[in-house]
PDB file of all heavy atoms in Angstrom:
ATOM      1  N   THR A   1     142.867  90.538 118.851  1.00  0.00           N
ATOM      2  CA  THR A   1     144.189  91.110 119.008  1.00  0.00           C
ATOM      3  C   THR A   1     144.398  91.778 120.348  1.00  0.00           C
ATOM      4  O   THR A   1     145.341  92.350 120.671  1.00  0.00           O
ATOM      5  CB  THR A   1     144.407  92.332 117.938  1.00  0.00           C
ATOM      6  OG1 THR A   1     143.328  93.337 118.064  1.00  0.00           O
ATOM      7  CG2 THR A   1     144.307  91.755 116.568  1.00  0.00           C
ATOM      8  N   GLU A   2     143.463  91.470 121.335  1.00  0.00           N
ATOM      9  CA  GLU A   2     143.613  92.074 122.728  1.00  0.00           C
ATOM     10  C   GLU A   2     144.601  91.273 123.425  1.00  0.00           C
ATOM     11  O   GLU A   2     144.795  90.066 123.075  1.00  0.00           O
ATOM     12  CB  GLU A   2     142.315  92.009 123.343  1.00  0.00           C
ATOM     13  CG  GLU A   2     141.179  92.927 122.721  1.00  0.00           C
ATOM     14  CD  GLU A   2     139.951  92.909 123.573  1.00  0.00           C
ATOM     15  OE1 GLU A   2     139.868  92.199 124.614  1.00  0.00           O
ATOM     16  OE2 GLU A   2     139.110  93.650 123.073  1.00  0.00           O
ATOM     17  N   GLY A   3     145.283  91.774 124.422  1.00  0.00           N
ATOM     18  CA  GLY A   3     146.270  91.172 125.356  1.00  0.00           C
ATOM     19  C   GLY A   3     147.573  91.353 124.854  1.00  0.00           C
ATOM     20  O   GLY A   3     147.792  91.908 123.531  1.00  0.00           O
ATOM     21  N   CYS A   4     148.626  90.827 125.411  1.00  0.00           N
ATOM     22  CA  CYS A   4     150.005  91.091 124.921  1.00  0.00           C
ATOM     23  C   CYS A   4     150.365  90.522 123.708  1.00  0.00           C
ATOM     24  O   CYS A   4     151.078  90.927 122.997  1.00  0.00           O
ATOM     25  CB  CYS A   4     150.941  90.661 126.105  1.00  0.00           C
ATOM     26  SG  CYS A   4     150.853  88.760 126.523  1.00  0.00           S
ATOM     27  N   CYS A   5     149.844  89.346 123.374  1.00  0.00           N
ATOM     28  CA  CYS A   5     150.153  88.506 122.201  1.00  0.00           C
ATOM     29  C   CYS A   5     149.120  88.253 121.211  1.00  0.00           C
ATOM     30  O   CYS A   5     149.294  87.864 120.178  1.00  0.00           O
ATOM     31  CB  CYS A   5     150.874  87.198 122.582  1.00  0.00           C
ATOM     32  SG  CYS A   5     152.289  87.339 123.699  1.00  0.00           S
ATOM     33  N   GLY A   6     147.855  88.578 121.599  1.00  0.00           N
ATOM     34  CA  GLY A   6     146.742  88.284 120.857  1.00  0.00           C
ATOM     35  C   GLY A   6     146.397  86.843 120.738  1.00  0.00           C
ATOM     36  O   GLY A   6     146.943  86.037 121.532  1.00  0.00           O
ATOM     37  N   TYR A   7     145.509  86.410 119.754  1.00  0.00           N
ATOM     38  CA  TYR A   7     145.264  84.889 119.647  1.00  0.00           C
ATOM     39  C   TYR A   7     145.942  84.361 118.352  1.00  0.00           C
ATOM     40  O   TYR A   7     145.866  85.068 117.216  1.00  0.00           O
ATOM     41  CB  TYR A   7     143.773  84.812 119.410  1.00  0.00           C
ATOM     42  CG  TYR A   7     142.860  84.904 120.596  1.00  0.00           C
ATOM     43  CD1 TYR A   7     143.454  85.674 121.634  1.00  0.00           C
ATOM     44  CD2 TYR A   7     141.694  84.542 120.640  1.00  0.00           C
ATOM     45  CE1 TYR A   7     142.560  85.879 122.860  1.00  0.00           C
ATOM     46  CE2 TYR A   7     140.854  84.618 121.811  1.00  0.00           C
ATOM     47  CZ  TYR A   7     141.362  85.458 122.861  1.00  0.00           C
ATOM     48  OH  TYR A   7     140.528  85.592 123.897  1.00  0.00           O
ATOM     49  N   GLU A   8     146.720  83.391 118.537  1.00  0.00           N
ATOM     50  CA  GLU A   8     147.341  82.818 117.352  1.00  0.00           C
ATOM     51  C   GLU A   8     146.532  81.542 117.050  1.00  0.00           C
ATOM     52  O   GLU A   8     146.250  80.651 117.842  1.00  0.00           O
ATOM     53  CB  GLU A   8     148.804  82.439 117.738  1.00  0.00           C
ATOM     54  CG  GLU A   8     149.527  81.713 116.673  1.00  0.00           C
ATOM     55  CD  GLU A   8     150.832  81.129 117.239  1.00  0.00           C
ATOM     56  OE1 GLU A   8     151.225  81.211 118.261  1.00  0.00           O
ATOM     57  OE2 GLU A   8     151.475  80.329 116.279  1.00  0.00           O
ATOM     58  N   LEU A   9     146.224  81.505 115.746  1.00  0.00           N
ATOM     59  CA  LEU A   9     145.661  80.261 115.167  1.00  0.00           C
ATOM     60  C   LEU A   9     146.752  79.196 114.855  1.00  0.00           C
ATOM     61  O   LEU A   9     147.548  79.421 113.838  1.00  0.00           O
ATOM     62  CB  LEU A   9     144.855  80.485 113.886  1.00  0.00           C
ATOM     63  CG  LEU A   9     144.075  79.365 113.186  1.00  0.00           C
ATOM     64  CD1 LEU A   9     143.150  78.701 114.255  1.00  0.00           C
ATOM     65  CD2 LEU A   9     143.416  79.776 112.056  1.00  0.00           C
ATOM     66  N   VAL A  10     146.791  78.242 115.613  1.00  0.00           N
ATOM     67  CA  VAL A  10     147.846  77.115 115.378  1.00  0.00           C
ATOM     68  C   VAL A  10     147.407  76.134 114.368  1.00  0.00           C
ATOM     69  O   VAL A  10     148.197  75.595 113.503  1.00  0.00           O
ATOM     70  CB  VAL A  10     148.134  76.398 116.816  1.00  0.00           C
ATOM     71  CG1 VAL A  10     149.213  75.280 116.590  1.00  0.00           C
ATOM     72  CG2 VAL A  10     148.665  77.476 117.845  1.00  0.00           C
ATOM     73  N   GLU A  11     146.238  75.735 114.591  1.00  0.00           N
ATOM     74  CA  GLU A  11     145.605  74.547 113.534  1.00  0.00           C
ATOM     75  C   GLU A  11     144.133  74.804 113.428  1.00  0.00           C
ATOM     76  O   GLU A  11     143.523  75.204 114.298  1.00  0.00           O
ATOM     77  CB  GLU A  11     146.070  73.302 114.134  1.00  0.00           C
ATOM     78  CG  GLU A  11     145.492  72.128 113.252  1.00  0.00           C
ATOM     79  CD  GLU A  11     145.916  70.725 113.966  1.00  0.00           C
ATOM     80  OE1 GLU A  11     145.345  70.439 114.972  1.00  0.00           O
ATOM     81  OE2 GLU A  11     146.943  70.148 113.372  1.00  0.00           O
ATOM     82  N   GLU A  12     143.655  74.385 112.219  1.00  0.00           N
ATOM     83  CA  GLU A  12     142.209  74.531 112.078  1.00  0.00           C
ATOM     84  C   GLU A  12     141.843  73.238 111.103  1.00  0.00           C
ATOM     85  O   GLU A  12     142.447  72.924 110.123  1.00  0.00           O
ATOM     86  CB  GLU A  12     141.768  75.765 111.275  1.00  0.00           C
ATOM     87  CG  GLU A  12     140.331  75.892 111.049  1.00  0.00           C
ATOM     88  CD  GLU A  12     139.954  77.267 110.512  1.00  0.00           C
ATOM     89  OE1 GLU A  12     140.861  78.045 109.981  1.00  0.00           O
ATOM     90  OE2 GLU A  12     138.841  77.705 110.512  1.00  0.00           O
ATOM     91  N   LYS A  13     140.794  72.591 111.535  1.00  0.00           N
ATOM     92  CA  LYS A  13     140.222  71.424 110.720  1.00  0.00           C
ATOM     93  C   LYS A  13     138.691  71.778 110.610  1.00  0.00           C
ATOM     94  O   LYS A  13     138.014  71.784 111.565  1.00  0.00           O
ATOM     95  CB  LYS A  13     140.417  70.116 111.390  1.00  0.00           C
ATOM     96  CG  LYS A  13     141.946  69.806 111.514  1.00  0.00           C
ATOM     97  CD  LYS A  13     142.141  68.398 112.161  1.00  0.00           C
ATOM     98  CE  LYS A  13     143.601  68.056 112.256  1.00  0.00           C
ATOM     99  NZ  LYS A  13     144.008  66.755 112.949  1.00  0.00           N
ATOM    100  N   ASP A  14     138.265  71.890 109.326  1.00  0.00           N
ATOM    101  CA  ASP A  14     136.913  72.140 108.995  1.00  0.00           C
ATOM    102  C   ASP A  14     136.204  70.884 108.551  1.00  0.00           C
ATOM    103  O   ASP A  14     136.237  70.456 107.426  1.00  0.00           O
ATOM    104  CB  ASP A  14     136.810  73.247 107.927  1.00  0.00           C
ATOM    105  CG  ASP A  14     135.456  73.830 107.769  1.00  0.00           C
ATOM    106  OD1 ASP A  14     134.454  73.136 108.256  1.00  0.00           O
ATOM    107  OD2 ASP A  14     135.263  74.917 107.287  1.00  0.00           O
ATOM    108  N   TYR A  15     135.543  70.278 109.647  1.00  0.00           N
ATOM    109  CA  TYR A  15     134.695  69.055 109.346  1.00  0.00           C
ATOM    110  C   TYR A  15     133.411  69.307 108.999  1.00  0.00           C
ATOM    111  O   TYR A  15     132.693  68.377 108.879  1.00  0.00           O
ATOM    112  CB  TYR A  15     134.853  68.152 110.646  1.00  0.00           C
ATOM    113  CG  TYR A  15     136.215  67.578 110.950  1.00  0.00           C
ATOM    114  CD1 TYR A  15     136.795  67.908 112.293  1.00  0.00           C
ATOM    115  CD2 TYR A  15     136.976  66.792 110.161  1.00  0.00           C
ATOM    116  CE1 TYR A  15     138.091  67.564 112.592  1.00  0.00           C
ATOM    117  CE2 TYR A  15     138.167  66.334 110.473  1.00  0.00           C
ATOM    118  CZ  TYR A  15     138.754  66.715 111.636  1.00  0.00           C
ATOM    119  OH  TYR A  15     140.055  66.129 111.965  1.00  0.00           O
ATOM    120  N   ILE A  16     133.081  70.741 108.809  1.00  0.00           N
ATOM    121  CA  ILE A  16     131.736  71.010 108.264  1.00  0.00           C
ATOM    122  C   ILE A  16     131.770  70.860 106.761  1.00  0.00           C
ATOM    123  O   ILE A  16     130.850  70.277 106.070  1.00  0.00           O
ATOM    124  CB  ILE A  16     131.406  72.441 108.711  1.00  0.00           C
ATOM    125  CG1 ILE A  16     131.172  72.337 110.282  1.00  0.00           C
ATOM    126  CG2 ILE A  16     130.007  72.782 108.025  1.00  0.00           C
ATOM    127  CD1 ILE A  16     130.932  73.764 110.901  1.00  0.00           C
ATOM    128  N   ARG A  17     132.747  71.617 106.090  1.00  0.00           N
ATOM    129  CA  ARG A  17     133.014  71.541 104.651  1.00  0.00           C
ATOM    130  C   ARG A  17     133.584  70.212 104.293  1.00  0.00           C
ATOM    131  O   ARG A  17     133.312  69.699 103.089  1.00  0.00           O
ATOM    132  CB  ARG A  17     133.857  72.818 104.286  1.00  0.00           C
ATOM    133  CG  ARG A  17     133.222  74.136 104.451  1.00  0.00           C
ATOM    134  CD  ARG A  17     134.063  75.116 103.813  1.00  0.00           C
ATOM    135  NE  ARG A  17     133.330  76.356 103.714  1.00  0.00           N
ATOM    136  CZ  ARG A  17     133.702  77.544 104.541  1.00  0.00           C
ATOM    137  NH1 ARG A  17     134.778  77.318 105.222  1.00  0.00           N
ATOM    138  NH2 ARG A  17     133.009  78.605 104.431  1.00  0.00           N
ATOM    139  N   HIS A  18     134.331  69.504 105.162  1.00  0.00           N
ATOM    140  CA  HIS A  18     134.765  68.315 104.803  1.00  0.00           C
ATOM    141  C   HIS A  18     134.595  67.271 105.912  1.00  0.00           C
ATOM    142  O   HIS A  18     135.366  67.111 106.767  1.00  0.00           O
ATOM    143  CB  HIS A  18     136.436  68.439 104.681  1.00  0.00           C
ATOM    144  CG  HIS A  18     136.718  69.369 103.672  1.00  0.00           C
ATOM    145  ND1 HIS A  18     136.595  69.224 102.286  1.00  0.00           N
ATOM    146  CD2 HIS A  18     137.222  70.691 103.758  1.00  0.00           C
ATOM    147  CE1 HIS A  18     137.107  70.387 101.526  1.00  0.00           C
ATOM    148  NE2 HIS A  18     137.282  71.289 102.519  1.00  0.00           N
ATOM    149  N   ALA A  19     133.454  66.695 105.946  1.00  0.00           N
ATOM    150  CA  ALA A  19     132.979  65.890 107.095  1.00  0.00           C
ATOM    151  C   ALA A  19     133.784  64.623 107.175  1.00  0.00           C
ATOM    152  O   ALA A  19     134.265  64.193 106.163  1.00  0.00           O
ATOM    153  CB  ALA A  19     131.397  65.425 106.809  1.00  0.00           C
ATOM    154  N   LYS A  20     133.890  64.169 108.274  1.00  0.00           N
ATOM    155  CA  LYS A  20     134.462  62.715 108.573  1.00  0.00           C
ATOM    156  C   LYS A  20     133.729  61.761 107.881  1.00  0.00           C
ATOM    157  O   LYS A  20     132.592  61.885 107.632  1.00  0.00           O
ATOM    158  CB  LYS A  20     134.775  62.427 109.977  1.00  0.00           C
ATOM    159  CG  LYS A  20     135.847  63.398 110.741  1.00  0.00           C
ATOM    160  CD  LYS A  20     135.957  62.884 112.052  1.00  0.00           C
ATOM    161  CE  LYS A  20     137.227  63.670 112.795  1.00  0.00           C
ATOM    162  NZ  LYS A  20     137.515  63.248 114.118  1.00  0.00           N
ATOM    163  N   PRO A  21     134.358  60.550 107.592  1.00  0.00           N
ATOM    164  CA  PRO A  21     133.652  59.525 106.808  1.00  0.00           C
ATOM    165  C   PRO A  21     132.465  59.018 107.589  1.00  0.00           C
ATOM    166  O   PRO A  21     131.571  58.619 106.980  1.00  0.00           O
ATOM    167  CB  PRO A  21     134.689  58.352 106.728  1.00  0.00           C
ATOM    168  CG  PRO A  21     135.978  59.097 106.803  1.00  0.00           C
ATOM    169  CD  PRO A  21     135.883  60.263 107.679  1.00  0.00           C
ATOM    170  N   ASN A  22     132.312  58.991 108.813  1.00  0.00           N
ATOM    171  CA  ASN A  22     131.133  58.616 109.654  1.00  0.00           C
ATOM    172  C   ASN A  22     130.022  59.717 109.734  1.00  0.00           C
ATOM    173  O   ASN A  22     129.072  59.559 110.232  1.00  0.00           O
ATOM    174  CB  ASN A  22     131.496  58.244 111.113  1.00  0.00           C
ATOM    175  CG  ASN A  22     131.971  59.378 111.928  1.00  0.00           C
ATOM    176  OD1 ASN A  22     132.248  60.433 111.411  1.00  0.00           O
ATOM    177  ND2 ASN A  22     132.008  59.245 113.279  1.00  0.00           N
ATOM    178  N   GLY A  23     130.352  60.925 109.218  1.00  0.00           N
ATOM    179  CA  GLY A  23     129.369  61.950 109.062  1.00  0.00           C
ATOM    180  C   GLY A  23     129.579  63.061 110.057  1.00  0.00           C
ATOM    181  O   GLY A  23     128.911  64.005 110.033  1.00  0.00           O
ATOM    182  N   TYR A  24     130.459  62.827 110.988  1.00  0.00           N
ATOM    183  CA  TYR A  24     130.823  63.954 112.031  1.00  0.00           C
ATOM    184  C   TYR A  24     131.174  65.216 111.309  1.00  0.00           C
ATOM    185  O   TYR A  24     132.041  65.267 110.448  1.00  0.00           O
ATOM    186  CB  TYR A  24     131.984  63.421 112.952  1.00  0.00           C
ATOM    187  CG  TYR A  24     132.413  64.433 113.917  1.00  0.00           C
ATOM    188  CD1 TYR A  24     131.801  64.659 115.198  1.00  0.00           C
ATOM    189  CD2 TYR A  24     133.532  65.305 113.608  1.00  0.00           C
ATOM    190  CE1 TYR A  24     132.309  65.545 116.125  1.00  0.00           C
ATOM    191  CE2 TYR A  24     133.941  66.332 114.498  1.00  0.00           C
ATOM    192  CZ  TYR A  24     133.132  66.393 115.747  1.00  0.00           C
ATOM    193  OH  TYR A  24     133.676  67.325 116.713  1.00  0.00           O
ATOM    194  N   ARG A  25     130.446  66.300 111.950  1.00  0.00           N
ATOM    195  CA  ARG A  25     130.754  67.672 111.433  1.00  0.00           C
ATOM    196  C   ARG A  25     131.065  68.609 112.494  1.00  0.00           C
ATOM    197  O   ARG A  25     130.232  68.546 113.616  1.00  0.00           O
ATOM    198  CB  ARG A  25     129.489  68.245 110.505  1.00  0.00           C
ATOM    199  CG  ARG A  25     129.427  67.449 109.239  1.00  0.00           C
ATOM    200  CD  ARG A  25     128.178  67.808 108.606  1.00  0.00           C
ATOM    201  NE  ARG A  25     128.125  67.445 107.122  1.00  0.00           N
ATOM    202  CZ  ARG A  25     127.708  66.210 106.832  1.00  0.00           C
ATOM    203  NH1 ARG A  25     127.426  65.260 107.698  1.00  0.00           N
ATOM    204  NH2 ARG A  25     127.644  65.891 105.439  1.00  0.00           N
ATOM    205  N   SER A  26     131.995  69.398 112.387  1.00  0.00           N
ATOM    206  CA  SER A  26     132.299  70.475 113.438  1.00  0.00           C
ATOM    207  C   SER A  26     133.581  71.174 112.856  1.00  0.00           C
ATOM    208  O   SER A  26     134.139  70.695 112.002  1.00  0.00           O
ATOM    209  CB  SER A  26     132.685  69.748 114.846  1.00  0.00           C
ATOM    210  OG  SER A  26     132.815  70.796 115.726  1.00  0.00           O
ATOM    211  N   LEU A  27     133.752  72.317 113.388  1.00  0.00           N
ATOM    212  CA  LEU A  27     134.939  73.109 113.074  1.00  0.00           C
ATOM    213  C   LEU A  27     135.851  73.176 114.201  1.00  0.00           C
ATOM    214  O   LEU A  27     135.457  73.666 115.359  1.00  0.00           O
ATOM    215  CB  LEU A  27     134.546  74.576 112.552  1.00  0.00           C
ATOM    216  CG  LEU A  27     135.644  75.366 111.884  1.00  0.00           C
ATOM    217  CD1 LEU A  27     135.082  76.358 110.916  1.00  0.00           C
ATOM    218  CD2 LEU A  27     136.611  76.067 112.787  1.00  0.00           C
ATOM    219  N   HIS A  28     137.025  72.600 114.182  1.00  0.00           N
ATOM    220  CA  HIS A  28     137.882  72.416 115.249  1.00  0.00           C
ATOM    221  C   HIS A  28     139.161  73.594 115.032  1.00  0.00           C
ATOM    222  O   HIS A  28     139.666  73.720 114.023  1.00  0.00           O
ATOM    223  CB  HIS A  28     138.624  71.133 115.245  1.00  0.00           C
ATOM    224  CG  HIS A  28     137.620  70.167 115.792  1.00  0.00           C
ATOM    225  ND1 HIS A  28     138.064  68.844 116.295  1.00  0.00           N
ATOM    226  CD2 HIS A  28     136.272  69.984 115.754  1.00  0.00           C
ATOM    227  CE1 HIS A  28     136.923  68.173 116.521  1.00  0.00           C
ATOM    228  NE2 HIS A  28     135.839  68.823 116.195  1.00  0.00           N
ATOM    229  N   MET A  29     139.377  74.191 116.008  1.00  0.00           N
ATOM    230  CA  MET A  29     140.537  75.200 116.027  1.00  0.00           C
ATOM    231  C   MET A  29     141.324  74.989 117.307  1.00  0.00           C
ATOM    232  O   MET A  29     140.889  74.710 118.329  1.00  0.00           O
ATOM    233  CB  MET A  29     139.910  76.620 116.136  1.00  0.00           C
ATOM    234  CG  MET A  29     138.911  76.878 115.035  1.00  0.00           C
ATOM    235  SD  MET A  29     138.146  78.459 115.429  1.00  0.00           S
ATOM    236  CE  MET A  29     139.519  79.619 115.457  1.00  0.00           C
ATOM    237  N   ILE A  30     142.692  75.072 117.081  1.00  0.00           N
ATOM    238  CA  ILE A  30     143.684  75.215 118.133  1.00  0.00           C
ATOM    239  C   ILE A  30     144.158  76.564 118.069  1.00  0.00           C
ATOM    240  O   ILE A  30     144.816  76.986 117.218  1.00  0.00           O
ATOM    241  CB  ILE A  30     144.730  74.133 118.029  1.00  0.00           C
ATOM    242  CG1 ILE A  30     144.283  72.802 117.887  1.00  0.00           C
ATOM    243  CG2 ILE A  30     145.796  74.300 119.157  1.00  0.00           C
ATOM    244  CD1 ILE A  30     143.541  72.304 119.103  1.00  0.00           C
ATOM    245  N   LEU A  31     143.972  77.341 119.281  1.00  0.00           N
ATOM    246  CA  LEU A  31     144.442  78.688 119.466  1.00  0.00           C
ATOM    247  C   LEU A  31     145.620  78.770 120.440  1.00  0.00           C
ATOM    248  O   LEU A  31     145.541  77.897 121.360  1.00  0.00           O
ATOM    249  CB  LEU A  31     143.172  79.463 119.899  1.00  0.00           C
ATOM    250  CG  LEU A  31     142.113  79.636 118.939  1.00  0.00           C
ATOM    251  CD1 LEU A  31     140.900  80.398 119.708  1.00  0.00           C
ATOM    252  CD2 LEU A  31     142.451  80.464 117.705  1.00  0.00           C
ATOM    253  N   ARG A  32     146.370  79.674 120.362  1.00  0.00           N
ATOM    254  CA  ARG A  32     147.382  79.814 121.406  1.00  0.00           C
ATOM    255  C   ARG A  32     147.139  81.247 122.002  1.00  0.00           C
ATOM    256  O   ARG A  32     147.186  82.289 121.275  1.00  0.00           O
ATOM    257  CB  ARG A  32     148.832  79.758 120.929  1.00  0.00           C
ATOM    258  CG  ARG A  32     149.818  79.543 122.005  1.00  0.00           C
ATOM    259  CD  ARG A  32     151.059  79.059 121.480  1.00  0.00           C
ATOM    260  NE  ARG A  32     152.236  78.972 122.296  1.00  0.00           N
ATOM    261  CZ  ARG A  32     152.465  77.872 123.244  1.00  0.00           C
ATOM    262  NH1 ARG A  32     151.688  76.820 123.015  1.00  0.00           N
ATOM    263  NH2 ARG A  32     153.415  77.945 124.041  1.00  0.00           N
TER     264      ARG A  32
END
């Protein structure tokens, strides 16, 4: 919450709990 606007979570894709078909795992986030 630091800064004038803080961090906004725009999008999140959890490829750890829901792996891609090829097995790829990672947690992706788009912050603003």
